[in-house]
Amino acid sequence: MNYLAHLHLAHRSETSLPGALLGEYARGHIDPNLSPELQLGIRLHRQIDSYTDAHPLHRGAVQAMPSPFRRYGGIIMDMMFDHFLARFWPHYHDQPLLDFIDCAHRQLIPNSQWPPAMVTLVARMQHYQLLASYQTLEGITLAIARIDPRFKNPTPLPLCAPLLHEHYDDMEHAFLGFYPELMAFVQNWVHLKLKT
């Protein structure tokens, strides 16, 4: 899943929104000097990613992509799932999407425990209203294309628009079947963690 879903799931499970994003950057052993809230957020982020990658609906949507996009299918599906979450937002949250985004931005206040890349991400997210742009297919297509420079060699991601149009209905179907199961998984995982 991508940024919007991680923030949504952190909010629903009453865990740390900064921790949800920090999980994108924390690699390997979790720093014990981090606050317990950030540590839990990183662990939850990892659980969400593992659950998503292994889920048959997500995996099937990735495998349905033709070459050369299949190699980047996990990235594409994570972004598209954020698009569908934004599009169907009222099904999953009582607060209007733009109000939620504003609330999330107010909680994402950089501090010394954040890596510089996360500080940059949050600044860009707020300045360009990236999460709000996920509501449209054009916005998410552009967001996917902007991932290309992160790779050492050029990728087909800037050319994904026809793929998204062709597979849109199947991707939507996969999301609608998958996301309620992911929400239930998160609630259960956090509940068990907070009990121990």
C-alpha atoms as a PDB file:
ATOM      1  CA  MET A   1       0.000   0.000   0.000  1.00  0.00           C
ATOM      2  CA  ASN A   2       1.061   3.596  -0.467  1.00  0.00           C
ATOM      3  CA  TYR A   3       0.990   6.739   1.698  1.00  0.00           C
ATOM      4  CA  LEU A   4      -2.759   7.384   1.841  1.00  0.00           C
ATOM      5  CA  ALA A   5      -3.605   3.831   2.852  1.00  0.00           C
ATOM      6  CA  HIS A   6      -0.885   3.703   5.500  1.00  0.00           C
ATOM      7  CA  LEU A   7      -2.134   6.958   7.016  1.00  0.00           C
ATOM      8  CA  HIS A   8      -5.760   5.808   6.847  1.00  0.00           C
ATOM      9  CA  LEU A   9      -4.970   2.499   8.519  1.00  0.00           C
ATOM     10  CA  ALA A  10      -2.891   4.201  11.220  1.00  0.00           C
ATOM     11  CA  HIS A  11      -5.778   6.551  11.964  1.00  0.00           C
ATOM     12  CA  ARG A  12      -8.346   3.730  12.074  1.00  0.00           C
ATOM     13  CA  SER A  13      -6.139   1.651  14.390  1.00  0.00           C
ATOM     14  CA  GLU A  14      -5.258   4.688  16.544  1.00  0.00           C
ATOM     15  CA  THR A  15      -1.550   4.257  15.931  1.00  0.00           C
ATOM     16  CA  SER A  16       1.050   6.825  14.913  1.00  0.00           C
ATOM     17  CA  LEU A  17       0.631   8.566  11.558  1.00  0.00           C
ATOM     18  CA  PRO A  18       4.311   9.614  11.528  1.00  0.00           C
ATOM     19  CA  GLY A  19       5.207   6.025  12.374  1.00  0.00           C
ATOM     20  CA  ALA A  20       3.120   4.836   9.439  1.00  0.00           C
ATOM     21  CA  LEU A  21       5.272   6.907   7.065  1.00  0.00           C
ATOM     22  CA  LEU A  22       8.529   6.226   8.888  1.00  0.00           C
ATOM     23  CA  GLY A  23       8.035   2.563   8.032  1.00  0.00           C
ATOM     24  CA  GLU A  24       8.754   3.547   4.433  1.00  0.00           C
ATOM     25  CA  TYR A  25      12.312   4.520   5.380  1.00  0.00           C
ATOM     26  CA  ALA A  26      13.268   2.356   8.364  1.00  0.00           C
ATOM     27  CA  ARG A  27      15.246  -0.667   7.200  1.00  0.00           C
ATOM     28  CA  GLY A  28      16.379  -3.695   9.176  1.00  0.00           C
ATOM     29  CA  HIS A  29      16.461  -3.530  12.959  1.00  0.00           C
ATOM     30  CA  ILE A  30      14.169  -0.906  14.454  1.00  0.00           C
ATOM     31  CA  ASP A  31      16.047   1.727  16.440  1.00  0.00           C
ATOM     32  CA  PRO A  32      15.205   1.135  20.135  1.00  0.00           C
ATOM     33  CA  ASN A  33      15.748   4.851  20.781  1.00  0.00           C
ATOM     34  CA  LEU A  34      12.631   5.697  18.794  1.00  0.00           C
ATOM     35  CA  SER A  35       9.476   6.373  20.761  1.00  0.00           C
ATOM     36  CA  PRO A  36       7.237   3.324  21.323  1.00  0.00           C
ATOM     37  CA  GLU A  37       4.591   4.926  19.078  1.00  0.00           C
ATOM     38  CA  LEU A  38       7.026   5.243  16.165  1.00  0.00           C
ATOM     39  CA  GLN A  39       8.314   1.708  16.688  1.00  0.00           C
ATOM     40  CA  LEU A  40       4.763   0.333  16.589  1.00  0.00           C
ATOM     41  CA  GLY A  41       4.047   2.401  13.477  1.00  0.00           C
ATOM     42  CA  ILE A  42       7.062   0.930  11.692  1.00  0.00           C
ATOM     43  CA  ARG A  43       6.058  -2.609  12.652  1.00  0.00           C
ATOM     44  CA  LEU A  44       2.501  -2.022  11.464  1.00  0.00           C
ATOM     45  CA  HIS A  45       3.773  -0.575   8.170  1.00  0.00           C
ATOM     46  CA  ARG A  46       5.811  -3.732   7.598  1.00  0.00           C
ATOM     47  CA  GLN A  47       2.868  -5.976   8.465  1.00  0.00           C
ATOM     48  CA  ILE A  48       0.635  -4.106   6.011  1.00  0.00           C
ATOM     49  CA  ASP A  49       3.200  -4.396   3.222  1.00  0.00           C
ATOM     50  CA  SER A  50       3.764  -8.109   3.838  1.00  0.00           C
ATOM     51  CA  TYR A  51       0.042  -8.852   4.009  1.00  0.00           C
ATOM     52  CA  THR A  52      -0.608  -6.861   0.835  1.00  0.00           C
ATOM     53  CA  ASP A  53       2.176  -8.466  -1.209  1.00  0.00           C
ATOM     54  CA  ALA A  54       1.038 -11.968  -0.232  1.00  0.00           C
ATOM     55  CA  HIS A  55      -2.690 -11.417  -0.770  1.00  0.00           C
ATOM     56  CA  PRO A  56      -4.091 -13.337  -3.773  1.00  0.00           C
ATOM     57  CA  LEU A  57      -6.042 -10.348  -5.115  1.00  0.00           C
ATOM     58  CA  HIS A  58      -3.009  -8.052  -5.080  1.00  0.00           C
ATOM     59  CA  ARG A  59      -0.677 -10.740  -6.382  1.00  0.00           C
ATOM     60  CA  GLY A  60      -3.128 -11.731  -9.113  1.00  0.00           C
ATOM     61  CA  ALA A  61      -3.492  -8.139 -10.310  1.00  0.00           C
ATOM     62  CA  VAL A  62       0.294  -7.820 -10.512  1.00  0.00           C
ATOM     63  CA  GLN A  63       0.680 -11.092 -12.401  1.00  0.00           C
ATOM     64  CA  ALA A  64      -1.980  -9.998 -14.909  1.00  0.00           C
ATOM     65  CA  MET A  65       0.200  -7.106 -16.082  1.00  0.00           C
ATOM     66  CA  PRO A  66       2.124  -7.580 -19.310  1.00  0.00           C
ATOM     67  CA  SER A  67       5.871  -7.212 -19.627  1.00  0.00           C
ATOM     68  CA  PRO A  68       7.659  -4.853 -18.984  1.00  0.00           C
ATOM     69  CA  PHE A  69       5.172  -3.528 -16.405  1.00  0.00           C
ATOM     70  CA  ARG A  70       4.872  -6.731 -14.402  1.00  0.00           C
ATOM     71  CA  ARG A  71       8.345  -6.170 -12.940  1.00  0.00           C
ATOM     72  CA  TYR A  72       7.034  -2.923 -11.419  1.00  0.00           C
ATOM     73  CA  GLY A  73       3.565  -4.296 -10.753  1.00  0.00           C
ATOM     74  CA  GLY A  74       3.824  -4.054  -6.984  1.00  0.00           C
ATOM     75  CA  ILE A  75       4.513  -0.328  -7.218  1.00  0.00           C
ATOM     76  CA  ILE A  76       1.716   0.213  -9.728  1.00  0.00           C
ATOM     77  CA  MET A  77      -0.838  -1.703  -7.670  1.00  0.00           C
ATOM     78  CA  ASP A  78       0.127   0.021  -4.419  1.00  0.00           C
ATOM     79  CA  MET A  79      -0.424   3.378  -6.103  1.00  0.00           C
ATOM     80  CA  MET A  80      -3.659   2.280  -7.758  1.00  0.00           C
ATOM     81  CA  PHE A  81      -4.985   0.978  -4.460  1.00  0.00           C
ATOM     82  CA  ASP A  82      -4.373   4.458  -3.027  1.00  0.00           C
ATOM     83  CA  HIS A  83      -6.314   5.851  -5.990  1.00  0.00           C
ATOM     84  CA  PHE A  84      -9.266   3.572  -5.317  1.00  0.00           C
ATOM     85  CA  LEU A  85      -9.125   4.345  -1.602  1.00  0.00           C
ATOM     86  CA  ALA A  86      -9.344   8.056  -2.437  1.00  0.00           C
ATOM     87  CA  ARG A  87     -12.116   7.440  -4.958  1.00  0.00           C
ATOM     88  CA  PHE A  88     -14.217   5.292  -2.623  1.00  0.00           C
ATOM     89  CA  TRP A  89     -13.181   7.156   0.529  1.00  0.00           C
ATOM     90  CA  PRO A  90     -16.719   7.583   1.991  1.00  0.00           C
ATOM     91  CA  HIS A  91     -17.009   3.778   2.151  1.00  0.00           C
ATOM     92  CA  TYR A  92     -14.039   3.582   4.523  1.00  0.00           C
ATOM     93  CA  HIS A  93     -14.044   6.790   6.574  1.00  0.00           C
ATOM     94  CA  ASP A  94     -16.702   9.133   7.968  1.00  0.00           C
ATOM     95  CA  GLN A  95     -14.528  12.235   7.632  1.00  0.00           C
ATOM     96  CA  PRO A  96     -14.343  13.825   4.151  1.00  0.00           C
ATOM     97  CA  LEU A  97     -11.073  13.009   2.394  1.00  0.00           C
ATOM     98  CA  LEU A  98      -9.779  16.573   2.215  1.00  0.00           C
ATOM     99  CA  ASP A  99     -10.510  17.095   5.912  1.00  0.00           C
ATOM    100  CA  PHE A 100      -8.659  13.878   6.735  1.00  0.00           C
ATOM    101  CA  ILE A 101      -5.680  14.989   4.652  1.00  0.00           C
ATOM    102  CA  ASP A 102      -5.576  18.339   6.451  1.00  0.00           C
ATOM    103  CA  CYS A 103      -5.746  16.549   9.806  1.00  0.00           C
ATOM    104  CA  ALA A 104      -2.957  14.169   8.757  1.00  0.00           C
ATOM    105  CA  HIS A 105      -0.777  17.070   7.623  1.00  0.00           C
ATOM    106  CA  ARG A 106      -1.163  18.695  11.056  1.00  0.00           C
ATOM    107  CA  GLN A 107       0.071  15.505  12.730  1.00  0.00           C
ATOM    108  CA  LEU A 108       3.065  15.118  10.424  1.00  0.00           C
ATOM    109  CA  ILE A 109       5.392  17.559  12.194  1.00  0.00           C
ATOM    110  CA  PRO A 110       9.072  16.804  11.482  1.00  0.00           C
ATOM    111  CA  ASN A 111      11.399  16.116  14.394  1.00  0.00           C
ATOM    112  CA  SER A 112      14.940  14.868  14.952  1.00  0.00           C
ATOM    113  CA  GLN A 113      13.890  11.226  14.654  1.00  0.00           C
ATOM    114  CA  TRP A 114      12.771  11.658  11.049  1.00  0.00           C
ATOM    115  CA  PRO A 115      15.219  10.858   8.222  1.00  0.00           C
ATOM    116  CA  PRO A 116      15.784  13.766   5.790  1.00  0.00           C
ATOM    117  CA  ALA A 117      13.978  11.897   2.995  1.00  0.00           C
ATOM    118  CA  MET A 118      10.811  11.726   5.086  1.00  0.00           C
ATOM    119  CA  VAL A 119      11.014  15.426   5.911  1.00  0.00           C
ATOM    120  CA  THR A 120      11.251  16.128   2.163  1.00  0.00           C
ATOM    121  CA  LEU A 121       8.364  13.786   1.391  1.00  0.00           C
ATOM    122  CA  VAL A 122       6.029  15.409   3.910  1.00  0.00           C
ATOM    123  CA  ALA A 123       6.942  18.903   2.685  1.00  0.00           C
ATOM    124  CA  ARG A 124       6.180  17.879  -0.919  1.00  0.00           C
ATOM    125  CA  MET A 125       3.035  16.048   0.144  1.00  0.00           C
ATOM    126  CA  GLN A 126       1.707  19.186   1.790  1.00  0.00           C
ATOM    127  CA  HIS A 127       2.911  21.747  -0.745  1.00  0.00           C
ATOM    128  CA  TYR A 128       1.635  19.890  -3.818  1.00  0.00           C
ATOM    129  CA  GLN A 129      -1.408  18.252  -2.159  1.00  0.00           C
ATOM    130  CA  LEU A 130      -0.188  14.871  -3.397  1.00  0.00           C
ATOM    131  CA  LEU A 131      -2.718  12.794  -1.477  1.00  0.00           C
ATOM    132  CA  ALA A 132      -5.637  14.796  -2.847  1.00  0.00           C
ATOM    133  CA  SER A 133      -4.306  14.299  -6.388  1.00  0.00           C
ATOM    134  CA  TYR A 134      -4.750  10.546  -5.976  1.00  0.00           C
ATOM    135  CA  GLN A 135      -8.503  10.980  -6.447  1.00  0.00           C
ATOM    136  CA  THR A 136      -8.211  11.180 -10.241  1.00  0.00           C
ATOM    137  CA  LEU A 137      -6.707   8.712 -12.668  1.00  0.00           C
ATOM    138  CA  GLU A 138      -4.669  11.537 -14.174  1.00  0.00           C
ATOM    139  CA  GLY A 139      -3.282  12.426 -10.754  1.00  0.00           C
ATOM    140  CA  ILE A 140      -2.277   8.880  -9.868  1.00  0.00           C
ATOM    141  CA  THR A 141      -0.815   8.303 -13.342  1.00  0.00           C
ATOM    142  CA  LEU A 142       1.422  11.332 -12.852  1.00  0.00           C
ATOM    143  CA  ALA A 143       2.372  10.155  -9.363  1.00  0.00           C
ATOM    144  CA  ILE A 144       3.387   6.758 -10.763  1.00  0.00           C
ATOM    145  CA  ALA A 145       5.430   8.404 -13.512  1.00  0.00           C
ATOM    146  CA  ARG A 146       7.292  10.501 -10.925  1.00  0.00           C
ATOM    147  CA  ILE A 147       8.633   7.338  -9.293  1.00  0.00           C
ATOM    148  CA  ASP A 148      10.829   6.617 -12.335  1.00  0.00           C
ATOM    149  CA  PRO A 149      13.767   8.902 -11.328  1.00  0.00           C
ATOM    150  CA  ARG A 150      14.219   6.927  -8.100  1.00  0.00           C
ATOM    151  CA  PHE A 151      15.592   4.047 -10.154  1.00  0.00           C
ATOM    152  CA  LYS A 152      19.141   3.889 -11.472  1.00  0.00           C
ATOM    153  CA  ASN A 153      17.922   2.957 -14.959  1.00  0.00           C
ATOM    154  CA  PRO A 154      14.811   4.168 -16.834  1.00  0.00           C
ATOM    155  CA  THR A 155      11.593   2.255 -16.176  1.00  0.00           C
ATOM    156  CA  PRO A 156       8.321   1.954 -18.131  1.00  0.00           C
ATOM    157  CA  LEU A 157       6.425   3.720 -15.333  1.00  0.00           C
ATOM    158  CA  PRO A 158       6.040   7.038 -17.240  1.00  0.00           C
ATOM    159  CA  LEU A 159       4.325   5.035 -20.010  1.00  0.00           C
ATOM    160  CA  CYS A 160       1.779   3.276 -17.795  1.00  0.00           C
ATOM    161  CA  ALA A 161      -1.341   5.291 -18.755  1.00  0.00           C
ATOM    162  CA  PRO A 162      -2.641   2.817 -21.383  1.00  0.00           C
ATOM    163  CA  LEU A 163      -2.053  -0.077 -18.979  1.00  0.00           C
ATOM    164  CA  LEU A 164      -4.060   1.633 -16.244  1.00  0.00           C
ATOM    165  CA  HIS A 165      -6.978   2.296 -18.593  1.00  0.00           C
ATOM    166  CA  GLU A 166      -6.966  -1.271 -19.907  1.00  0.00           C
ATOM    167  CA  HIS A 167      -6.789  -2.937 -16.483  1.00  0.00           C
ATOM    168  CA  TYR A 168      -8.724  -0.334 -14.510  1.00  0.00           C
ATOM    169  CA  ASP A 169     -11.875  -2.379 -13.855  1.00  0.00           C
ATOM    170  CA  ASP A 170      -9.901  -5.462 -12.779  1.00  0.00           C
ATOM    171  CA  MET A 171      -7.714  -3.369 -10.476  1.00  0.00           C
ATOM    172  CA  GLU A 172     -10.802  -1.767  -8.957  1.00  0.00           C
ATOM    173  CA  HIS A 173     -12.376  -5.176  -8.382  1.00  0.00           C
ATOM    174  CA  ALA A 174      -9.184  -6.385  -6.680  1.00  0.00           C
ATOM    175  CA  PHE A 175      -9.102  -3.363  -4.388  1.00  0.00           C
ATOM    176  CA  LEU A 176     -12.755  -3.617  -3.371  1.00  0.00           C
ATOM    177  CA  GLY A 177     -12.288  -7.256  -2.408  1.00  0.00           C
ATOM    178  CA  PHE A 178      -8.941  -6.722  -0.726  1.00  0.00           C
ATOM    179  CA  TYR A 179      -9.198  -3.552   1.339  1.00  0.00           C
ATOM    180  CA  PRO A 180     -11.868  -4.619   3.861  1.00  0.00           C
ATOM    181  CA  GLU A 181      -9.777  -7.707   4.571  1.00  0.00           C
ATOM    182  CA  LEU A 182      -6.690  -5.543   5.090  1.00  0.00           C
ATOM    183  CA  MET A 183      -8.581  -3.259   7.500  1.00  0.00           C
ATOM    184  CA  ALA A 184      -9.721  -6.274   9.529  1.00  0.00           C
ATOM    185  CA  PHE A 185      -6.175  -7.652   9.558  1.00  0.00           C
ATOM    186  CA  VAL A 186      -4.782  -4.337  10.846  1.00  0.00           C
ATOM    187  CA  GLN A 187      -7.370  -4.000  13.601  1.00  0.00           C
ATOM    188  CA  ASN A 188      -6.679  -7.534  14.782  1.00  0.00           C
ATOM    189  CA  TRP A 189      -2.893  -7.174  14.614  1.00  0.00           C
ATOM    190  CA  VAL A 190      -2.871  -3.900  16.572  1.00  0.00           C
ATOM    191  CA  HIS A 191      -5.315  -5.271  19.134  1.00  0.00           C
ATOM    192  CA  LEU A 192      -3.070  -8.281  19.769  1.00  0.00           C
ATOM    193  CA  LYS A 193       0.057  -6.117  19.956  1.00  0.00           C
ATOM    194  CA  LEU A 194      -1.448  -3.703  22.460  1.00  0.00           C
ATOM    195  CA  LYS A 195      -2.615  -6.593  24.652  1.00  0.00           C
ATOM    196  CA  THR A 196       0.925  -8.002  24.987  1.00  0.00           C
END
